[in-house]
Amino acid sequence: MKRTKDNLGVSSAPFKKRGYSRGESGQAQAAAGGNKADGGGVATGSVRRRVTIDDALSFTMKVKQTFEAQRERYEAYLDVLKDYEEQRIGIPVVVARVKELLKGHDGLLAEFRFFMPDRYQGLLM
């Protein structure tokens, strides 16, 4: 099944307004959490690559599947993304809330780090 914003229950608006753009290949790309200077992106060896919308949707699908029996935790995760998108909270608050929501799921928390700019990595420890 192809992952889309519709089957995840999320809007792509946060991705459009937060620096996500189309790359030369036409694939949507993002400097997660900011621009390239922030160091956002997925670490691949010692080089960080730009995070794509597909990366974000894939991660959101993992969160949804993980909390399938705890729908309120998944919805709380979506609320955090929405609050950030609407500029009601900043990255430090996003990190604190997501860290609490993903408590006990170290793999998801480690993967979430890839979406954070370098200067916020310490908040996830």
PDB file of N, CA and C in Angstrom:
ATOM      1  N   MET A   1       0.837  -1.175   0.000  1.00  0.00           N
ATOM      2  CA  MET A   1       0.000   0.000   0.000  1.00  0.00           C
ATOM      3  C   MET A   1       0.882   1.237   0.000  1.00  0.00           C
ATOM      4  N   LYS A   2       0.627   2.138  -0.882  1.00  0.00           N
ATOM      5  CA  LYS A   2       1.394   3.372  -0.952  1.00  0.00           C
ATOM      6  C   LYS A   2       1.018   4.280   0.213  1.00  0.00           C
ATOM      7  N   ARG A   3       2.058   4.838   0.891  1.00  0.00           N
ATOM      8  CA  ARG A   3       1.814   5.730   2.008  1.00  0.00           C
ATOM      9  C   ARG A   3       1.427   7.099   1.480  1.00  0.00           C
ATOM     10  N   THR A   4       0.323   7.596   1.958  1.00  0.00           N
ATOM     11  CA  THR A   4      -0.108   8.942   1.607  1.00  0.00           C
ATOM     12  C   THR A   4      -0.573   9.640   2.863  1.00  0.00           C
ATOM     13  N   LYS A   5      -0.687  10.947   2.776  1.00  0.00           N
ATOM     14  CA  LYS A   5      -1.181  11.700   3.929  1.00  0.00           C
ATOM     15  C   LYS A   5      -2.586  11.262   4.295  1.00  0.00           C
ATOM     16  N   ASP A   6      -3.360  10.774   3.317  1.00  0.00           N
ATOM     17  CA  ASP A   6      -4.728  10.372   3.588  1.00  0.00           C
ATOM     18  C   ASP A   6      -4.807   9.126   4.459  1.00  0.00           C
ATOM     19  N   ASN A   7      -3.956   8.113   4.185  1.00  0.00           N
ATOM     20  CA  ASN A   7      -4.061   6.905   4.993  1.00  0.00           C
ATOM     21  C   ASN A   7      -3.280   7.005   6.294  1.00  0.00           C
ATOM     22  N   LEU A   8      -2.560   8.112   6.508  1.00  0.00           N
ATOM     23  CA  LEU A   8      -1.898   8.347   7.782  1.00  0.00           C
ATOM     24  C   LEU A   8      -2.719   9.249   8.680  1.00  0.00           C
ATOM     25  N   GLY A   9      -3.685   9.939   8.086  1.00  0.00           N
ATOM     26  CA  GLY A   9      -4.493  10.855   8.861  1.00  0.00           C
ATOM     27  C   GLY A   9      -3.783  12.160   9.137  1.00  0.00           C
ATOM     28  N   VAL A  10      -2.805  12.515   8.290  1.00  0.00           N
ATOM     29  CA  VAL A  10      -2.071  13.761   8.488  1.00  0.00           C
ATOM     30  C   VAL A  10      -2.123  14.600   7.231  1.00  0.00           C
ATOM     31  N   SER A  11      -1.917  15.861   7.423  1.00  0.00           N
ATOM     32  CA  SER A  11      -1.851  16.801   6.311  1.00  0.00           C
ATOM     33  C   SER A  11      -0.402  16.973   5.905  1.00  0.00           C
ATOM     34  N   SER A  12      -0.158  17.262   4.639  1.00  0.00           N
ATOM     35  CA  SER A  12       1.202  17.529   4.199  1.00  0.00           C
ATOM     36  C   SER A  12       1.579  18.983   4.419  1.00  0.00           C
ATOM     37  N   ALA A  13       0.656  19.794   4.935  1.00  0.00           N
ATOM     38  CA  ALA A  13       0.921  21.221   5.143  1.00  0.00           C
ATOM     39  C   ALA A  13       2.146  21.482   6.011  1.00  0.00           C
ATOM     40  N   PRO A  14       2.379  20.737   7.120  1.00  0.00           N
ATOM     41  CA  PRO A  14       3.573  21.021   7.902  1.00  0.00           C
ATOM     42  C   PRO A  14       4.848  20.869   7.089  1.00  0.00           C
ATOM     43  N   PHE A  15       4.839  19.939   6.163  1.00  0.00           N
ATOM     44  CA  PHE A  15       6.024  19.693   5.369  1.00  0.00           C
ATOM     45  C   PHE A  15       6.229  20.793   4.336  1.00  0.00           C
ATOM     46  N   LYS A  16       5.153  21.341   3.836  1.00  0.00           N
ATOM     47  CA  LYS A  16       5.247  22.389   2.824  1.00  0.00           C
ATOM     48  C   LYS A  16       5.736  23.704   3.406  1.00  0.00           C
ATOM     49  N   LYS A  17       5.328  24.014   4.629  1.00  0.00           N
ATOM     50  CA  LYS A  17       5.651  25.301   5.217  1.00  0.00           C
ATOM     51  C   LYS A  17       6.970  25.306   5.975  1.00  0.00           C
ATOM     52  N   ARG A  18       7.553  24.177   6.243  1.00  0.00           N
ATOM     53  CA  ARG A  18       8.756  24.097   7.052  1.00  0.00           C
ATOM     54  C   ARG A  18      10.008  23.794   6.243  1.00  0.00           C
ATOM     55  N   GLY A  19      10.110  24.329   5.038  1.00  0.00           N
ATOM     56  CA  GLY A  19      11.342  24.190   4.284  1.00  0.00           C
ATOM     57  C   GLY A  19      11.404  22.991   3.371  1.00  0.00           C
ATOM     58  N   TYR A  20      10.337  22.288   3.221  1.00  0.00           N
ATOM     59  CA  TYR A  20      10.328  21.151   2.323  1.00  0.00           C
ATOM     60  C   TYR A  20      10.136  21.661   0.902  1.00  0.00           C
ATOM     61  N   SER A  21      10.877  21.096   0.001  1.00  0.00           N
ATOM     62  CA  SER A  21      10.799  21.559  -1.377  1.00  0.00           C
ATOM     63  C   SER A  21      10.969  20.381  -2.319  1.00  0.00           C
ATOM     64  N   ARG A  22      10.838  20.657  -3.587  1.00  0.00           N
ATOM     65  CA  ARG A  22      11.041  19.635  -4.606  1.00  0.00           C
ATOM     66  C   ARG A  22      12.488  19.662  -5.059  1.00  0.00           C
ATOM     67  N   GLY A  23      13.124  18.512  -5.075  1.00  0.00           N
ATOM     68  CA  GLY A  23      14.497  18.420  -5.548  1.00  0.00           C
ATOM     69  C   GLY A  23      14.542  18.379  -7.058  1.00  0.00           C
ATOM     70  N   GLU A  24      15.740  18.303  -7.613  1.00  0.00           N
ATOM     71  CA  GLU A  24      15.897  18.276  -9.063  1.00  0.00           C
ATOM     72  C   GLU A  24      15.180  17.092  -9.685  1.00  0.00           C
ATOM     73  N   SER A  25      15.124  15.997  -8.957  1.00  0.00           N
ATOM     74  CA  SER A  25      14.469  14.803  -9.492  1.00  0.00           C
ATOM     75  C   SER A  25      12.953  14.893  -9.380  1.00  0.00           C
ATOM     76  N   GLY A  26      12.459  15.954  -8.731  1.00  0.00           N
ATOM     77  CA  GLY A  26      11.025  16.089  -8.541  1.00  0.00           C
ATOM     78  C   GLY A  26      10.567  15.479  -7.236  1.00  0.00           C
ATOM     79  N   GLN A  27      11.470  14.795  -6.537  1.00  0.00           N
ATOM     80  CA  GLN A  27      11.108  14.182  -5.272  1.00  0.00           C
ATOM     81  C   GLN A  27      11.123  15.258  -4.195  1.00  0.00           C
ATOM     82  N   ALA A  28      10.122  15.236  -3.336  1.00  0.00           N
ATOM     83  CA  ALA A  28      10.056  16.227  -2.266  1.00  0.00           C
ATOM     84  C   ALA A  28      11.210  16.001  -1.307  1.00  0.00           C
ATOM     85  N   GLN A  29      11.861  17.100  -0.926  1.00  0.00           N
ATOM     86  CA  GLN A  29      12.974  17.017  -0.004  1.00  0.00           C
ATOM     87  C   GLN A  29      12.816  18.051   1.078  1.00  0.00           C
ATOM     88  N   ALA A  30      13.512  17.834   2.197  1.00  0.00           N
ATOM     89  CA  ALA A  30      13.440  18.794   3.287  1.00  0.00           C
ATOM     90  C   ALA A  30      14.737  18.832   4.047  1.00  0.00           C
ATOM     91  N   ALA A  31      15.010  19.976   4.589  1.00  0.00           N
ATOM     92  CA  ALA A  31      16.070  20.106   5.575  1.00  0.00           C
ATOM     93  C   ALA A  31      15.347  20.075   6.902  1.00  0.00           C
ATOM     94  N   ALA A  32      15.197  18.890   7.469  1.00  0.00           N
ATOM     95  CA  ALA A  32      14.324  18.678   8.618  1.00  0.00           C
ATOM     96  C   ALA A  32      14.583  19.682   9.718  1.00  0.00           C
ATOM     97  N   GLY A  33      13.532  20.349  10.102  1.00  0.00           N
ATOM     98  CA  GLY A  33      13.603  21.278  11.202  1.00  0.00           C
ATOM     99  C   GLY A  33      14.292  22.578  10.866  1.00  0.00           C
ATOM    100  N   GLY A  34      14.616  22.821   9.652  1.00  0.00           N
ATOM    101  CA  GLY A  34      15.258  24.077   9.304  1.00  0.00           C
ATOM    102  C   GLY A  34      15.978  23.968   7.987  1.00  0.00           C
ATOM    103  N   ASN A  35      16.921  24.848   7.749  1.00  0.00           N
ATOM    104  CA  ASN A  35      17.640  24.813   6.486  1.00  0.00           C
ATOM    105  C   ASN A  35      18.912  23.995   6.616  1.00  0.00           C
ATOM    106  N   LYS A  36      19.620  23.829   5.527  1.00  0.00           N
ATOM    107  CA  LYS A  36      20.805  22.989   5.498  1.00  0.00           C
ATOM    108  C   LYS A  36      21.843  23.431   6.520  1.00  0.00           C
ATOM    109  N   ALA A  37      21.926  24.726   6.771  1.00  0.00           N
ATOM    110  CA  ALA A  37      22.879  25.248   7.732  1.00  0.00           C
ATOM    111  C   ALA A  37      22.591  24.762   9.149  1.00  0.00           C
ATOM    112  N   ASP A  38      21.342  24.404   9.437  1.00  0.00           N
ATOM    113  CA  ASP A  38      20.982  23.887  10.751  1.00  0.00           C
ATOM    114  C   ASP A  38      21.504  22.469  10.958  1.00  0.00           C
ATOM    115  N   GLY A  39      21.845  21.802   9.871  1.00  0.00           N
ATOM    116  CA  GLY A  39      22.318  20.436   9.985  1.00  0.00           C
ATOM    117  C   GLY A  39      21.198  19.420   9.968  1.00  0.00           C
ATOM    118  N   GLY A  40      19.992  19.823   9.589  1.00  0.00           N
ATOM    119  CA  GLY A  40      18.881  18.887   9.540  1.00  0.00           C
ATOM    120  C   GLY A  40      19.090  17.880   8.433  1.00  0.00           C
ATOM    121  N   GLY A  41      18.640  16.681   8.646  1.00  0.00           N
ATOM    122  CA  GLY A  41      18.759  15.655   7.627  1.00  0.00           C
ATOM    123  C   GLY A  41      19.082  14.320   8.254  1.00  0.00           C
ATOM    124  N   VAL A  42      19.089  13.305   7.447  1.00  0.00           N
ATOM    125  CA  VAL A  42      19.329  11.957   7.922  1.00  0.00           C
ATOM    126  C   VAL A  42      20.803  11.631   7.786  1.00  0.00           C
ATOM    127  N   ALA A  43      21.372  11.105   8.856  1.00  0.00           N
ATOM    128  CA  ALA A  43      22.777  10.731   8.832  1.00  0.00           C
ATOM    129  C   ALA A  43      22.949   9.456   8.024  1.00  0.00           C
ATOM    130  N   THR A  44      23.837   9.491   7.072  1.00  0.00           N
ATOM    131  CA  THR A  44      24.179   8.308   6.287  1.00  0.00           C
ATOM    132  C   THR A  44      25.693   8.215   6.322  1.00  0.00           C
ATOM    133  N   GLY A  45      26.198   7.413   7.263  1.00  0.00           N
ATOM    134  CA  GLY A  45      27.636   7.407   7.487  1.00  0.00           C
ATOM    135  C   GLY A  45      28.004   8.699   8.172  1.00  0.00           C
ATOM    136  N   SER A  46      28.944   9.430   7.620  1.00  0.00           N
ATOM    137  CA  SER A  46      29.329  10.707   8.213  1.00  0.00           C
ATOM    138  C   SER A  46      28.697  11.876   7.471  1.00  0.00           C
ATOM    139  N   VAL A  47      27.878  11.583   6.482  1.00  0.00           N
ATOM    140  CA  VAL A  47      27.238  12.620   5.691  1.00  0.00           C
ATOM    141  C   VAL A  47      25.745  12.602   5.973  1.00  0.00           C
ATOM    142  N   ARG A  48      25.165  13.788   6.167  1.00  0.00           N
ATOM    143  CA  ARG A  48      23.723  13.873   6.384  1.00  0.00           C
ATOM    144  C   ARG A  48      23.057  14.183   5.055  1.00  0.00           C
ATOM    145  N   ARG A  49      22.014  13.456   4.734  1.00  0.00           N
ATOM    146  CA  ARG A  49      21.266  13.733   3.510  1.00  0.00           C
ATOM    147  C   ARG A  49      19.981  14.443   3.881  1.00  0.00           C
ATOM    148  N   ARG A  50      19.452  15.149   2.914  1.00  0.00           N
ATOM    149  CA  ARG A  50      18.193  15.851   3.146  1.00  0.00           C
ATOM    150  C   ARG A  50      17.073  14.845   3.377  1.00  0.00           C
ATOM    151  N   VAL A  51      16.205  15.169   4.299  1.00  0.00           N
ATOM    152  CA  VAL A  51      15.081  14.309   4.631  1.00  0.00           C
ATOM    153  C   VAL A  51      13.945  14.588   3.650  1.00  0.00           C
ATOM    154  N   THR A  52      13.346  13.538   3.144  1.00  0.00           N
ATOM    155  CA  THR A  52      12.240  13.696   2.202  1.00  0.00           C
ATOM    156  C   THR A  52      10.899  13.603   2.920  1.00  0.00           C
ATOM    157  N   ILE A  53       9.877  14.036   2.245  1.00  0.00           N
ATOM    158  CA  ILE A  53       8.526  13.874   2.786  1.00  0.00           C
ATOM    159  C   ILE A  53       8.230  12.391   2.968  1.00  0.00           C
ATOM    160  N   ASP A  54       8.725  11.563   2.068  1.00  0.00           N
ATOM    161  CA  ASP A  54       8.533  10.115   2.217  1.00  0.00           C
ATOM    162  C   ASP A  54       9.155   9.609   3.512  1.00  0.00           C
ATOM    163  N   ASP A  55      10.315  10.160   3.899  1.00  0.00           N
ATOM    164  CA  ASP A  55      10.935   9.779   5.175  1.00  0.00           C
ATOM    165  C   ASP A  55      10.004  10.128   6.334  1.00  0.00           C
ATOM    166  N   ALA A  56       9.466  11.338   6.295  1.00  0.00           N
ATOM    167  CA  ALA A  56       8.573  11.798   7.363  1.00  0.00           C
ATOM    168  C   ALA A  56       7.301  10.963   7.410  1.00  0.00           C
ATOM    169  N   LEU A  57       6.732  10.671   6.248  1.00  0.00           N
ATOM    170  CA  LEU A  57       5.511   9.850   6.206  1.00  0.00           C
ATOM    171  C   LEU A  57       5.793   8.426   6.669  1.00  0.00           C
ATOM    172  N   SER A  58       6.932   7.889   6.296  1.00  0.00           N
ATOM    173  CA  SER A  58       7.311   6.547   6.724  1.00  0.00           C
ATOM    174  C   SER A  58       7.450   6.482   8.247  1.00  0.00           C
ATOM    175  N   PHE A  59       8.092   7.493   8.819  1.00  0.00           N
ATOM    176  CA  PHE A  59       8.248   7.537  10.270  1.00  0.00           C
ATOM    177  C   PHE A  59       6.892   7.666  10.951  1.00  0.00           C
ATOM    178  N   THR A  60       6.038   8.516  10.416  1.00  0.00           N
ATOM    179  CA  THR A  60       4.712   8.699  10.991  1.00  0.00           C
ATOM    180  C   THR A  60       3.913   7.396  10.923  1.00  0.00           C
ATOM    181  N   MET A  61       4.083   6.648   9.840  1.00  0.00           N
ATOM    182  CA  MET A  61       3.416   5.342   9.720  1.00  0.00           C
ATOM    183  C   MET A  61       3.933   4.375  10.794  1.00  0.00           C
ATOM    184  N   LYS A  62       5.234   4.409  11.066  1.00  0.00           N
ATOM    185  CA  LYS A  62       5.796   3.561  12.126  1.00  0.00           C
ATOM    186  C   LYS A  62       5.206   3.927  13.479  1.00  0.00           C
ATOM    187  N   VAL A  63       5.072   5.215  13.734  1.00  0.00           N
ATOM    188  CA  VAL A  63       4.473   5.660  14.997  1.00  0.00           C
ATOM    189  C   VAL A  63       3.028   5.164  15.074  1.00  0.00           C
ATOM    190  N   LYS A  64       2.296   5.311  13.986  1.00  0.00           N
ATOM    191  CA  LYS A  64       0.895   4.867  13.951  1.00  0.00           C
ATOM    192  C   LYS A  64       0.791   3.367  14.221  1.00  0.00           C
ATOM    193  N   GLN A  65       1.653   2.574  13.574  1.00  0.00           N
ATOM    194  CA  GLN A  65       1.616   1.125  13.759  1.00  0.00           C
ATOM    195  C   GLN A  65       2.023   0.734  15.183  1.00  0.00           C
ATOM    196  N   THR A  66       3.019   1.421  15.714  1.00  0.00           N
ATOM    197  CA  THR A  66       3.485   1.123  17.069  1.00  0.00           C
ATOM    198  C   THR A  66       2.395   1.360  18.098  1.00  0.00           C
ATOM    199  N   PHE A  67       1.640   2.426  17.907  1.00  0.00           N
ATOM    200  CA  PHE A  67       0.610   2.790  18.874  1.00  0.00           C
ATOM    201  C   PHE A  67      -0.797   2.461  18.385  1.00  0.00           C
ATOM    202  N   GLU A  68      -0.893   1.410  17.573  1.00  0.00           N
ATOM    203  CA  GLU A  68      -2.179   0.988  17.041  1.00  0.00           C
ATOM    204  C   GLU A  68      -3.191   0.719  18.154  1.00  0.00           C
ATOM    205  N   ALA A  69      -2.735   0.129  19.247  1.00  0.00           N
ATOM    206  CA  ALA A  69      -3.618  -0.173  20.370  1.00  0.00           C
ATOM    207  C   ALA A  69      -3.759   1.002  21.334  1.00  0.00           C
ATOM    208  N   GLN A  70      -2.974   2.057  21.099  1.00  0.00           N
ATOM    209  CA  GLN A  70      -3.013   3.250  21.951  1.00  0.00           C
ATOM    210  C   GLN A  70      -3.214   4.475  21.049  1.00  0.00           C
ATOM    211  N   ARG A  71      -4.348   4.541  20.453  1.00  0.00           N
ATOM    212  CA  ARG A  71      -4.645   5.590  19.465  1.00  0.00           C
ATOM    213  C   ARG A  71      -4.395   6.996  20.007  1.00  0.00           C
ATOM    214  N   GLU A  72      -4.647   7.197  21.298  1.00  0.00           N
ATOM    215  CA  GLU A  72      -4.466   8.523  21.884  1.00  0.00           C
ATOM    216  C   GLU A  72      -3.006   8.978  21.845  1.00  0.00           C
ATOM    217  N   ARG A  73      -2.060   8.043  21.942  1.00  0.00           N
ATOM    218  CA  ARG A  73      -0.642   8.419  21.855  1.00  0.00           C
ATOM    219  C   ARG A  73      -0.280   8.836  20.440  1.00  0.00           C
ATOM    220  N   TYR A  74      -0.799   8.130  19.457  1.00  0.00           N
ATOM    221  CA  TYR A  74      -0.559   8.502  18.063  1.00  0.00           C
ATOM    222  C   TYR A  74      -1.173   9.865  17.775  1.00  0.00           C
ATOM    223  N   GLU A  75      -2.386  10.068  18.224  1.00  0.00           N
ATOM    224  CA  GLU A  75      -3.043  11.351  17.998  1.00  0.00           C
ATOM    225  C   GLU A  75      -2.313  12.481  18.717  1.00  0.00           C
ATOM    226  N   ALA A  76      -1.747  12.199  19.887  1.00  0.00           N
ATOM    227  CA  ALA A  76      -0.962  13.204  20.609  1.00  0.00           C
ATOM    228  C   ALA A  76       0.291  13.565  19.803  1.00  0.00           C
ATOM    229  N   TYR A  77       0.895  12.567  19.153  1.00  0.00           N
ATOM    230  CA  TYR A  77       2.051  12.821  18.290  1.00  0.00           C
ATOM    231  C   TYR A  77       1.657  13.747  17.140  1.00  0.00           C
ATOM    232  N   LEU A  78       0.529  13.468  16.509  1.00  0.00           N
ATOM    233  CA  LEU A  78       0.043  14.326  15.424  1.00  0.00           C
ATOM    234  C   LEU A  78      -0.246  15.739  15.925  1.00  0.00           C
ATOM    235  N   ASP A  79      -0.766  15.846  17.143  1.00  0.00           N
ATOM    236  CA  ASP A  79      -1.041  17.163  17.723  1.00  0.00           C
ATOM    237  C   ASP A  79       0.245  17.962  17.912  1.00  0.00           C
ATOM    238  N   VAL A  80       1.313  17.288  18.303  1.00  0.00           N
ATOM    239  CA  VAL A  80       2.604  17.964  18.456  1.00  0.00           C
ATOM    240  C   VAL A  80       3.056  18.526  17.111  1.00  0.00           C
ATOM    241  N   LEU A  81       2.944  17.718  16.065  1.00  0.00           N
ATOM    242  CA  LEU A  81       3.331  18.185  14.732  1.00  0.00           C
ATOM    243  C   LEU A  81       2.479  19.380  14.308  1.00  0.00           C
ATOM    244  N   LYS A  82       1.201  19.299  14.590  1.00  0.00           N
ATOM    245  CA  LYS A  82       0.290  20.386  14.218  1.00  0.00           C
ATOM    246  C   LYS A  82       0.619  21.662  14.996  1.00  0.00           C
ATOM    247  N   ASP A  83       0.866  21.531  16.290  1.00  0.00           N
ATOM    248  CA  ASP A  83       1.220  22.701  17.103  1.00  0.00           C
ATOM    249  C   ASP A  83       2.506  23.349  16.605  1.00  0.00           C
ATOM    250  N   TYR A  84       3.463  22.535  16.193  1.00  0.00           N
ATOM    251  CA  TYR A  84       4.708  23.072  15.650  1.00  0.00           C
ATOM    252  C   TYR A  84       4.447  23.779  14.323  1.00  0.00           C
ATOM    253  N   GLU A  85       3.663  23.153  13.494  1.00  0.00           N
ATOM    254  CA  GLU A  85       3.337  23.737  12.191  1.00  0.00           C
ATOM    255  C   GLU A  85       2.661  25.092  12.347  1.00  0.00           C
ATOM    256  N   GLU A  86       1.783  25.178  13.315  1.00  0.00           N
ATOM    257  CA  GLU A  86       1.047  26.419  13.539  1.00  0.00           C
ATOM    258  C   GLU A  86       1.829  27.387  14.424  1.00  0.00           C
ATOM    259  N   GLN A  87       3.082  27.070  14.666  1.00  0.00           N
ATOM    260  CA  GLN A  87       4.024  27.908  15.410  1.00  0.00           C
ATOM    261  C   GLN A  87       3.555  28.222  16.831  1.00  0.00           C
ATOM    262  N   ARG A  88       2.845  27.277  17.425  1.00  0.00           N
ATOM    263  CA  ARG A  88       2.428  27.427  18.827  1.00  0.00           C
ATOM    264  C   ARG A  88       3.516  26.941  19.763  1.00  0.00           C
ATOM    265  N   ILE A  89       4.386  26.069  19.239  1.00  0.00           N
ATOM    266  CA  ILE A  89       5.497  25.547  20.034  1.00  0.00           C
ATOM    267  C   ILE A  89       6.755  25.540  19.171  1.00  0.00           C
ATOM    268  N   GLY A  90       7.896  25.558  19.836  1.00  0.00           N
ATOM    269  CA  GLY A  90       9.170  25.501  19.144  1.00  0.00           C
ATOM    270  C   GLY A  90       9.779  24.113  19.230  1.00  0.00           C
ATOM    271  N   ILE A  91      10.938  23.967  18.625  1.00  0.00           N
ATOM    272  CA  ILE A  91      11.595  22.660  18.573  1.00  0.00           C
ATOM    273  C   ILE A  91      11.880  22.098  19.966  1.00  0.00           C
ATOM    274  N   PRO A  92      12.355  22.885  20.946  1.00  0.00           N
ATOM    275  CA  PRO A  92      12.587  22.291  22.272  1.00  0.00           C
ATOM    276  C   PRO A  92      11.324  21.657  22.880  1.00  0.00           C
ATOM    277  N   VAL A  93      10.171  22.279  22.663  1.00  0.00           N
ATOM    278  CA  VAL A  93       8.918  21.717  23.188  1.00  0.00           C
ATOM    279  C   VAL A  93       8.535  20.473  22.387  1.00  0.00           C
ATOM    280  N   VAL A  94       8.728  20.514  21.071  1.00  0.00           N
ATOM    281  CA  VAL A  94       8.470  19.329  20.235  1.00  0.00           C
ATOM    282  C   VAL A  94       9.289  18.158  20.758  1.00  0.00           C
ATOM    283  N   VAL A  95      10.570  18.396  20.985  1.00  0.00           N
ATOM    284  CA  VAL A  95      11.461  17.331  21.447  1.00  0.00           C
ATOM    285  C   VAL A  95      10.992  16.783  22.794  1.00  0.00           C
ATOM    286  N   ALA A  96      10.661  17.666  23.722  1.00  0.00           N
ATOM    287  CA  ALA A  96      10.220  17.216  25.044  1.00  0.00           C
ATOM    288  C   ALA A  96       8.957  16.370  24.951  1.00  0.00           C
ATOM    289  N   ARG A  97       7.991  16.816  24.160  1.00  0.00           N
ATOM    290  CA  ARG A  97       6.725  16.082  24.036  1.00  0.00           C
ATOM    291  C   ARG A  97       6.911  14.757  23.314  1.00  0.00           C
ATOM    292  N   VAL A  98       7.665  14.759  22.229  1.00  0.00           N
ATOM    293  CA  VAL A  98       7.885  13.518  21.475  1.00  0.00           C
ATOM    294  C   VAL A  98       8.699  12.533  22.315  1.00  0.00           C
ATOM    295  N   LYS A  99       9.670  13.040  23.042  1.00  0.00           N
ATOM    296  CA  LYS A  99      10.472  12.175  23.913  1.00  0.00           C
ATOM    297  C   LYS A  99       9.582  11.458  24.929  1.00  0.00           C
ATOM    298  N   GLU A 100       8.628  12.181  25.486  1.00  0.00           N
ATOM    299  CA  GLU A 100       7.689  11.577  26.445  1.00  0.00           C
ATOM    300  C   GLU A 100       6.754  10.588  25.748  1.00  0.00           C
ATOM    301  N   LEU A 101       6.240  10.950  24.579  1.00  0.00           N
ATOM    302  CA  LEU A 101       5.319  10.078  23.851  1.00  0.00           C
ATOM    303  C   LEU A 101       5.984   8.780  23.398  1.00  0.00           C
ATOM    304  N   LEU A 102       7.249   8.856  23.035  1.00  0.00           N
ATOM    305  CA  LEU A 102       7.962   7.683  22.520  1.00  0.00           C
ATOM    306  C   LEU A 102       8.744   6.948  23.600  1.00  0.00           C
ATOM    307  N   LYS A 103       8.555   7.330  24.851  1.00  0.00           N
ATOM    308  CA  LYS A 103       9.251   6.692  25.976  1.00  0.00           C
ATOM    309  C   LYS A 103       9.039   5.184  25.911  1.00  0.00           C
ATOM    310  N   GLY A 104      10.141   4.452  26.030  1.00  0.00           N
ATOM    311  CA  GLY A 104      10.072   2.996  25.964  1.00  0.00           C
ATOM    312  C   GLY A 104      10.195   2.441  24.556  1.00  0.00           C
ATOM    313  N   HIS A 105      10.297   3.320  23.585  1.00  0.00           N
ATOM    314  CA  HIS A 105      10.428   2.921  22.178  1.00  0.00           C
ATOM    315  C   HIS A 105      11.700   3.566  21.624  1.00  0.00           C
ATOM    316  N   ASP A 106      12.828   3.038  22.108  1.00  0.00           N
ATOM    317  CA  ASP A 106      14.125   3.641  21.800  1.00  0.00           C
ATOM    318  C   ASP A 106      14.428   3.697  20.312  1.00  0.00           C
ATOM    319  N   GLY A 107      13.973   2.711  19.561  1.00  0.00           N
ATOM    320  CA  GLY A 107      14.196   2.702  18.112  1.00  0.00           C
ATOM    321  C   GLY A 107      13.508   3.880  17.433  1.00  0.00           C
ATOM    322  N   LEU A 108      12.270   4.143  17.823  1.00  0.00           N
ATOM    323  CA  LEU A 108      11.545   5.276  17.253  1.00  0.00           C
ATOM    324  C   LEU A 108      12.189   6.596  17.665  1.00  0.00           C
ATOM    325  N   LEU A 109      12.589   6.685  18.921  1.00  0.00           N
ATOM    326  CA  LEU A 109      13.221   7.912  19.400  1.00  0.00           C
ATOM    327  C   LEU A 109      14.534   8.163  18.674  1.00  0.00           C
ATOM    328  N   ALA A 110      15.295   7.110  18.445  1.00  0.00           N
ATOM    329  CA  ALA A 110      16.553   7.250  17.702  1.00  0.00           C
ATOM    330  C   ALA A 110      16.283   7.695  16.274  1.00  0.00           C
ATOM    331  N   GLU A 111      15.252   7.147  15.664  1.00  0.00           N
ATOM    332  CA  GLU A 111      14.922   7.546  14.296  1.00  0.00           C
ATOM    333  C   GLU A 111      14.407   8.987  14.247  1.00  0.00           C
ATOM    334  N   PHE A 112      13.691   9.403  15.267  1.00  0.00           N
ATOM    335  CA  PHE A 112      13.187  10.768  15.326  1.00  0.00           C
ATOM    336  C   PHE A 112      14.342  11.775  15.329  1.00  0.00           C
ATOM    337  N   ARG A 113      15.457  11.383  15.903  1.00  0.00           N
ATOM    338  CA  ARG A 113      16.634  12.274  15.947  1.00  0.00           C
ATOM    339  C   ARG A 113      17.059  12.718  14.553  1.00  0.00           C
ATOM    340  N   PHE A 114      16.852  11.885  13.561  1.00  0.00           N
ATOM    341  CA  PHE A 114      17.258  12.219  12.200  1.00  0.00           C
ATOM    342  C   PHE A 114      16.513  13.435  11.646  1.00  0.00           C
ATOM    343  N   PHE A 115      15.385  13.752  12.234  1.00  0.00           N
ATOM    344  CA  PHE A 115      14.587  14.880  11.761  1.00  0.00           C
ATOM    345  C   PHE A 115      14.956  16.190  12.458  1.00  0.00           C
ATOM    346  N   MET A 116      15.820  16.102  13.450  1.00  0.00           N
ATOM    347  CA  MET A 116      16.187  17.279  14.234  1.00  0.00           C
ATOM    348  C   MET A 116      17.491  17.911  13.739  1.00  0.00           C
ATOM    349  N   PRO A 117      17.552  19.233  13.727  1.00  0.00           N
ATOM    350  CA  PRO A 117      18.814  19.905  13.413  1.00  0.00           C
ATOM    351  C   PRO A 117      19.877  19.525  14.450  1.00  0.00           C
ATOM    352  N   ASP A 118      21.130  19.557  14.046  1.00  0.00           N
ATOM    353  CA  ASP A 118      22.229  19.174  14.931  1.00  0.00           C
ATOM    354  C   ASP A 118      22.185  19.869  16.283  1.00  0.00           C
ATOM    355  N   ARG A 119      21.869  21.145  16.276  1.00  0.00           N
ATOM    356  CA  ARG A 119      21.938  21.891  17.537  1.00  0.00           C
ATOM    357  C   ARG A 119      20.896  21.445  18.566  1.00  0.00           C
ATOM    358  N   TYR A 120      19.932  20.642  18.159  1.00  0.00           N
ATOM    359  CA  TYR A 120      18.910  20.142  19.095  1.00  0.00           C
ATOM    360  C   TYR A 120      19.105  18.674  19.436  1.00  0.00           C
ATOM    361  N   GLN A 121      20.125  18.033  18.911  1.00  0.00           N
ATOM    362  CA  GLN A 121      20.345  16.600  19.149  1.00  0.00           C
ATOM    363  C   GLN A 121      20.493  16.284  20.629  1.00  0.00           C
ATOM    364  N   GLY A 122      21.152  17.148  21.374  1.00  0.00           N
ATOM    365  CA  GLY A 122      21.370  16.916  22.800  1.00  0.00           C
ATOM    366  C   GLY A 122      20.082  16.837  23.612  1.00  0.00           C
ATOM    367  N   LEU A 123      19.030  17.464  23.141  1.00  0.00           N
ATOM    368  CA  LEU A 123      17.760  17.441  23.865  1.00  0.00           C
ATOM    369  C   LEU A 123      17.124  16.052  23.862  1.00  0.00           C
ATOM    370  N   LEU A 124      17.537  15.203  22.945  1.00  0.00           N
ATOM    371  CA  LEU A 124      16.953  13.865  22.839  1.00  0.00           C
ATOM    372  C   LEU A 124      17.682  12.822  23.671  1.00  0.00           C
ATOM    373  N   MET A 125      18.728  13.210  24.317  1.00  0.00           N
ATOM    374  CA  MET A 125      19.513  12.254  25.121  1.00  0.00           C
ATOM    375  C   MET A 125      18.809  11.936  26.420  1.00  0.00           C
TER     376      MET A 125
END
